[in-house]
Amino acid sequence: MNEVLPNDYCMDCYTNHVEFASINNGIFLCSNCAKLHNTLGRDISYIVETVESIDPYYAIYFQRGGNTRFLKFCKQYNISNMDPRAKYRTKACEYYRKLLKSEVEGEFPPKSISFEEAQQLLYNDEIADSRSHIAFKQFRTAI
């Protein structure tokens, strides 16, 4: 896959049948990959159906993120071919979620991480500490 991945393709398996999205990663997924993401926990990947109405605040995650940006980021840190169960638990993906959140909220970006650190996996206590501070609520408006 080249560096462009339209949002109507699944970020993880590249099928062109997208039904779900991960808000805090700003990406789009098929139903099979969304099931896997649901097992990662909402702090790693908060999944919603794309047919649901989405709060305008959350829609900004997809405007700022999107599959192409996420794919380029993963290639930059050499994690694009990792198994998704590991990839989304890397320090690189944690950094990406924090970076995206900072852009959405108009805050200063987090401190960048090194290439070596990026590929390290989060430990369970680090995952708990990295929980997104997004207030999850009912979605009322369309993307």
C-alpha atoms as a PDB file:
ATOM      1  CA  MET A   1       0.000   0.000   0.000  1.00  0.00           C
ATOM      2  CA  ASN A   2       1.374   3.405  -0.891  1.00  0.00           C
ATOM      3  CA  GLU A   3       1.208   6.380   1.474  1.00  0.00           C
ATOM      4  CA  VAL A   4      -2.346   7.317   0.495  1.00  0.00           C
ATOM      5  CA  LEU A   5      -5.205   5.376   2.063  1.00  0.00           C
ATOM      6  CA  PRO A   6      -8.593   6.978   1.497  1.00  0.00           C
ATOM      7  CA  ASN A   7     -10.978   7.011   4.406  1.00  0.00           C
ATOM      8  CA  ASP A   8     -13.361   4.650   2.638  1.00  0.00           C
ATOM      9  CA  TYR A   9     -10.809   1.836   3.083  1.00  0.00           C
ATOM     10  CA  CYS A  10     -10.100   0.001   6.326  1.00  0.00           C
ATOM     11  CA  MET A  11      -6.903   1.246   7.954  1.00  0.00           C
ATOM     12  CA  ASP A  12      -5.859  -2.234   9.078  1.00  0.00           C
ATOM     13  CA  CYS A  13      -6.845  -4.663   6.296  1.00  0.00           C
ATOM     14  CA  TYR A  14      -7.382  -2.233   3.382  1.00  0.00           C
ATOM     15  CA  THR A  15     -10.830  -3.577   2.426  1.00  0.00           C
ATOM     16  CA  ASN A  16     -13.123  -0.982   0.919  1.00  0.00           C
ATOM     17  CA  HIS A  17     -16.105  -1.639   3.166  1.00  0.00           C
ATOM     18  CA  VAL A  18     -15.815   0.788   6.091  1.00  0.00           C
ATOM     19  CA  GLU A  19     -18.518   0.697   8.747  1.00  0.00           C
ATOM     20  CA  PHE A  20     -16.673   1.857  11.865  1.00  0.00           C
ATOM     21  CA  ALA A  21     -14.203   4.479  13.019  1.00  0.00           C
ATOM     22  CA  SER A  22     -11.722   4.862  15.857  1.00  0.00           C
ATOM     23  CA  ILE A  23     -12.180   8.348  17.249  1.00  0.00           C
ATOM     24  CA  ASN A  24      -8.979   8.721  19.239  1.00  0.00           C
ATOM     25  CA  ASN A  25      -6.878   7.343  16.360  1.00  0.00           C
ATOM     26  CA  GLY A  26      -8.832   9.305  13.742  1.00  0.00           C
ATOM     27  CA  ILE A  27      -9.096   6.287  11.403  1.00  0.00           C
ATOM     28  CA  PHE A  28     -11.724   4.203   9.620  1.00  0.00           C
ATOM     29  CA  LEU A  29     -12.208   0.433   9.913  1.00  0.00           C
ATOM     30  CA  CYS A  30     -14.210  -2.504   8.596  1.00  0.00           C
ATOM     31  CA  SER A  31     -16.420  -4.507  10.951  1.00  0.00           C
ATOM     32  CA  ASN A  32     -13.840  -7.288  11.466  1.00  0.00           C
ATOM     33  CA  CYS A  33     -11.051  -4.900  12.386  1.00  0.00           C
ATOM     34  CA  ALA A  34     -13.405  -2.868  14.586  1.00  0.00           C
ATOM     35  CA  LYS A  35     -14.072  -6.028  16.620  1.00  0.00           C
ATOM     36  CA  LEU A  36     -10.353  -6.347  17.259  1.00  0.00           C
ATOM     37  CA  HIS A  37     -10.114  -2.666  18.207  1.00  0.00           C
ATOM     38  CA  ASN A  38     -12.926  -3.132  20.726  1.00  0.00           C
ATOM     39  CA  THR A  39     -10.714  -5.640  22.556  1.00  0.00           C
ATOM     40  CA  LEU A  40      -7.935  -3.043  22.900  1.00  0.00           C
ATOM     41  CA  GLY A  41      -9.955  -0.806  25.204  1.00  0.00           C
ATOM     42  CA  ARG A  42     -11.392   2.654  24.653  1.00  0.00           C
ATOM     43  CA  ASP A  43      -8.194   4.360  25.761  1.00  0.00           C
ATOM     44  CA  ILE A  44      -6.402   2.677  22.826  1.00  0.00           C
ATOM     45  CA  SER A  45      -9.229   2.759  20.272  1.00  0.00           C
ATOM     46  CA  TYR A  46     -12.688   4.197  20.870  1.00  0.00           C
ATOM     47  CA  ILE A  47     -14.926   2.654  18.194  1.00  0.00           C
ATOM     48  CA  VAL A  48     -18.167   4.073  16.764  1.00  0.00           C
ATOM     49  CA  GLU A  49     -20.282   3.045  13.797  1.00  0.00           C
ATOM     50  CA  THR A  50     -19.932   5.433  10.891  1.00  0.00           C
ATOM     51  CA  VAL A  51     -23.687   5.373  10.385  1.00  0.00           C
ATOM     52  CA  GLU A  52     -24.173   6.928  13.832  1.00  0.00           C
ATOM     53  CA  SER A  53     -24.401  10.652  14.273  1.00  0.00           C
ATOM     54  CA  ILE A  54     -21.127  11.988  15.563  1.00  0.00           C
ATOM     55  CA  ASP A  55     -20.640  15.012  17.769  1.00  0.00           C
ATOM     56  CA  PRO A  56     -18.845  17.808  15.849  1.00  0.00           C
ATOM     57  CA  TYR A  57     -16.036  17.732  18.443  1.00  0.00           C
ATOM     58  CA  TYR A  58     -15.254  14.098  17.584  1.00  0.00           C
ATOM     59  CA  ALA A  59     -15.566  14.762  13.860  1.00  0.00           C
ATOM     60  CA  ILE A  60     -12.498  17.003  14.167  1.00  0.00           C
ATOM     61  CA  TYR A  61     -10.429  13.892  14.991  1.00  0.00           C
ATOM     62  CA  PHE A  62     -11.191  12.561  11.505  1.00  0.00           C
ATOM     63  CA  GLN A  63     -10.605  15.940   9.850  1.00  0.00           C
ATOM     64  CA  ARG A  64      -7.200  16.285  11.542  1.00  0.00           C
ATOM     65  CA  GLY A  65      -6.309  12.610  11.342  1.00  0.00           C
ATOM     66  CA  GLY A  66      -7.655  10.252   8.734  1.00  0.00           C
ATOM     67  CA  ASN A  67      -6.220   7.083   7.274  1.00  0.00           C
ATOM     68  CA  THR A  68      -3.587   8.733   5.063  1.00  0.00           C
ATOM     69  CA  ARG A  69      -2.046  10.748   7.881  1.00  0.00           C
ATOM     70  CA  PHE A  70      -2.061   7.759  10.240  1.00  0.00           C
ATOM     71  CA  LEU A  71      -0.472   5.505   7.600  1.00  0.00           C
ATOM     72  CA  LYS A  72       2.283   8.052   6.910  1.00  0.00           C
ATOM     73  CA  PHE A  73       2.910   8.337  10.660  1.00  0.00           C
ATOM     74  CA  CYS A  74       3.144   4.547  11.048  1.00  0.00           C
ATOM     75  CA  LYS A  75       5.571   4.290   8.123  1.00  0.00           C
ATOM     76  CA  GLN A  76       7.689   7.061   9.644  1.00  0.00           C
ATOM     77  CA  TYR A  77       8.122   4.968  12.806  1.00  0.00           C
ATOM     78  CA  ASN A  78       8.294   1.616  10.959  1.00  0.00           C
ATOM     79  CA  ILE A  79       5.203   0.180  12.648  1.00  0.00           C
ATOM     80  CA  SER A  80       2.860   0.063   9.644  1.00  0.00           C
ATOM     81  CA  ASN A  81       3.280  -3.704   9.139  1.00  0.00           C
ATOM     82  CA  MET A  82       2.922  -4.649  12.798  1.00  0.00           C
ATOM     83  CA  ASP A  83       0.035  -6.784  13.951  1.00  0.00           C
ATOM     84  CA  PRO A  84      -2.724  -4.341  15.015  1.00  0.00           C
ATOM     85  CA  ARG A  85      -2.899  -5.920  18.498  1.00  0.00           C
ATOM     86  CA  ALA A  86       0.661  -4.704  19.031  1.00  0.00           C
ATOM     87  CA  LYS A  87       0.775  -1.641  16.764  1.00  0.00           C
ATOM     88  CA  TYR A  88      -1.896   0.330  18.616  1.00  0.00           C
ATOM     89  CA  ARG A  89      -0.153  -0.469  21.919  1.00  0.00           C
ATOM     90  CA  THR A  90       3.166   1.020  20.809  1.00  0.00           C
ATOM     91  CA  LYS A  91       4.490   4.228  22.271  1.00  0.00           C
ATOM     92  CA  ALA A  92       4.331   5.639  18.730  1.00  0.00           C
ATOM     93  CA  CYS A  93       0.563   5.188  18.564  1.00  0.00           C
ATOM     94  CA  GLU A  94       0.175   6.538  22.085  1.00  0.00           C
ATOM     95  CA  TYR A  95       2.133   9.604  20.954  1.00  0.00           C
ATOM     96  CA  TYR A  96      -0.059   9.917  17.827  1.00  0.00           C
ATOM     97  CA  ARG A  97      -3.257   9.818  19.910  1.00  0.00           C
ATOM     98  CA  LYS A  98      -1.868  12.518  22.219  1.00  0.00           C
ATOM     99  CA  LEU A  99      -0.726  14.601  19.235  1.00  0.00           C
ATOM    100  CA  LEU A 100      -4.123  14.355  17.560  1.00  0.00           C
ATOM    101  CA  LYS A 101      -5.896  15.231  20.806  1.00  0.00           C
ATOM    102  CA  SER A 102      -3.652  18.270  21.301  1.00  0.00           C
ATOM    103  CA  GLU A 103      -4.498  19.499  17.802  1.00  0.00           C
ATOM    104  CA  VAL A 104      -8.227  18.969  18.316  1.00  0.00           C
ATOM    105  CA  GLU A 105      -8.167  20.802  21.634  1.00  0.00           C
ATOM    106  CA  GLY A 106      -5.787  23.548  20.518  1.00  0.00           C
ATOM    107  CA  GLU A 107      -3.119  22.604  23.067  1.00  0.00           C
ATOM    108  CA  PHE A 108       0.646  22.352  22.806  1.00  0.00           C
ATOM    109  CA  PRO A 109       1.741  19.076  21.191  1.00  0.00           C
ATOM    110  CA  PRO A 110       3.277  16.364  23.357  1.00  0.00           C
ATOM    111  CA  LYS A 111       7.032  15.933  23.434  1.00  0.00           C
ATOM    112  CA  SER A 112       8.134  13.925  20.404  1.00  0.00           C
ATOM    113  CA  ILE A 113       9.553  10.445  20.832  1.00  0.00           C
ATOM    114  CA  SER A 114      12.603   8.759  19.350  1.00  0.00           C
ATOM    115  CA  PHE A 115      12.452   6.119  16.650  1.00  0.00           C
ATOM    116  CA  GLU A 116      13.713   3.488  19.110  1.00  0.00           C
ATOM    117  CA  GLU A 117      11.204   4.430  21.807  1.00  0.00           C
ATOM    118  CA  ALA A 118       8.340   4.521  19.298  1.00  0.00           C
ATOM    119  CA  GLN A 119       8.394   0.786  18.681  1.00  0.00           C
ATOM    120  CA  GLN A 120       8.264  -0.137  22.360  1.00  0.00           C
ATOM    121  CA  LEU A 121       5.003  -1.532  23.655  1.00  0.00           C
ATOM    122  CA  LEU A 122       3.132   0.093  26.483  1.00  0.00           C
ATOM    123  CA  TYR A 123       2.890  -1.827  29.722  1.00  0.00           C
ATOM    124  CA  ASN A 124      -0.518  -2.242  31.317  1.00  0.00           C
ATOM    125  CA  ASP A 125       0.116   0.547  33.842  1.00  0.00           C
ATOM    126  CA  GLU A 126       1.253   2.886  31.040  1.00  0.00           C
ATOM    127  CA  ILE A 127      -1.915   2.092  29.101  1.00  0.00           C
ATOM    128  CA  ALA A 128      -4.000   3.043  32.122  1.00  0.00           C
ATOM    129  CA  ASP A 129      -1.993   6.266  32.528  1.00  0.00           C
ATOM    130  CA  SER A 130      -2.422   7.172  28.870  1.00  0.00           C
ATOM    131  CA  ARG A 131      -6.235   7.044  28.904  1.00  0.00           C
ATOM    132  CA  SER A 132      -7.724   9.646  26.673  1.00  0.00           C
ATOM    133  CA  HIS A 133      -9.472  12.448  28.499  1.00  0.00           C
ATOM    134  CA  ILE A 134     -12.125  12.587  25.831  1.00  0.00           C
ATOM    135  CA  ALA A 135     -15.527  12.772  27.470  1.00  0.00           C
ATOM    136  CA  PHE A 136     -17.357   9.978  25.690  1.00  0.00           C
ATOM    137  CA  LYS A 137     -20.998  10.780  25.225  1.00  0.00           C
ATOM    138  CA  GLN A 138     -23.930  10.147  22.898  1.00  0.00           C
ATOM    139  CA  PHE A 139     -23.283  11.280  19.356  1.00  0.00           C
ATOM    140  CA  ARG A 140     -25.922  13.621  18.038  1.00  0.00           C
ATOM    141  CA  THR A 141     -24.752  15.152  14.764  1.00  0.00           C
ATOM    142  CA  ALA A 142     -23.426  13.646  11.557  1.00  0.00           C
ATOM    143  CA  ILE A 143     -19.826  13.857  10.384  1.00  0.00           C
END
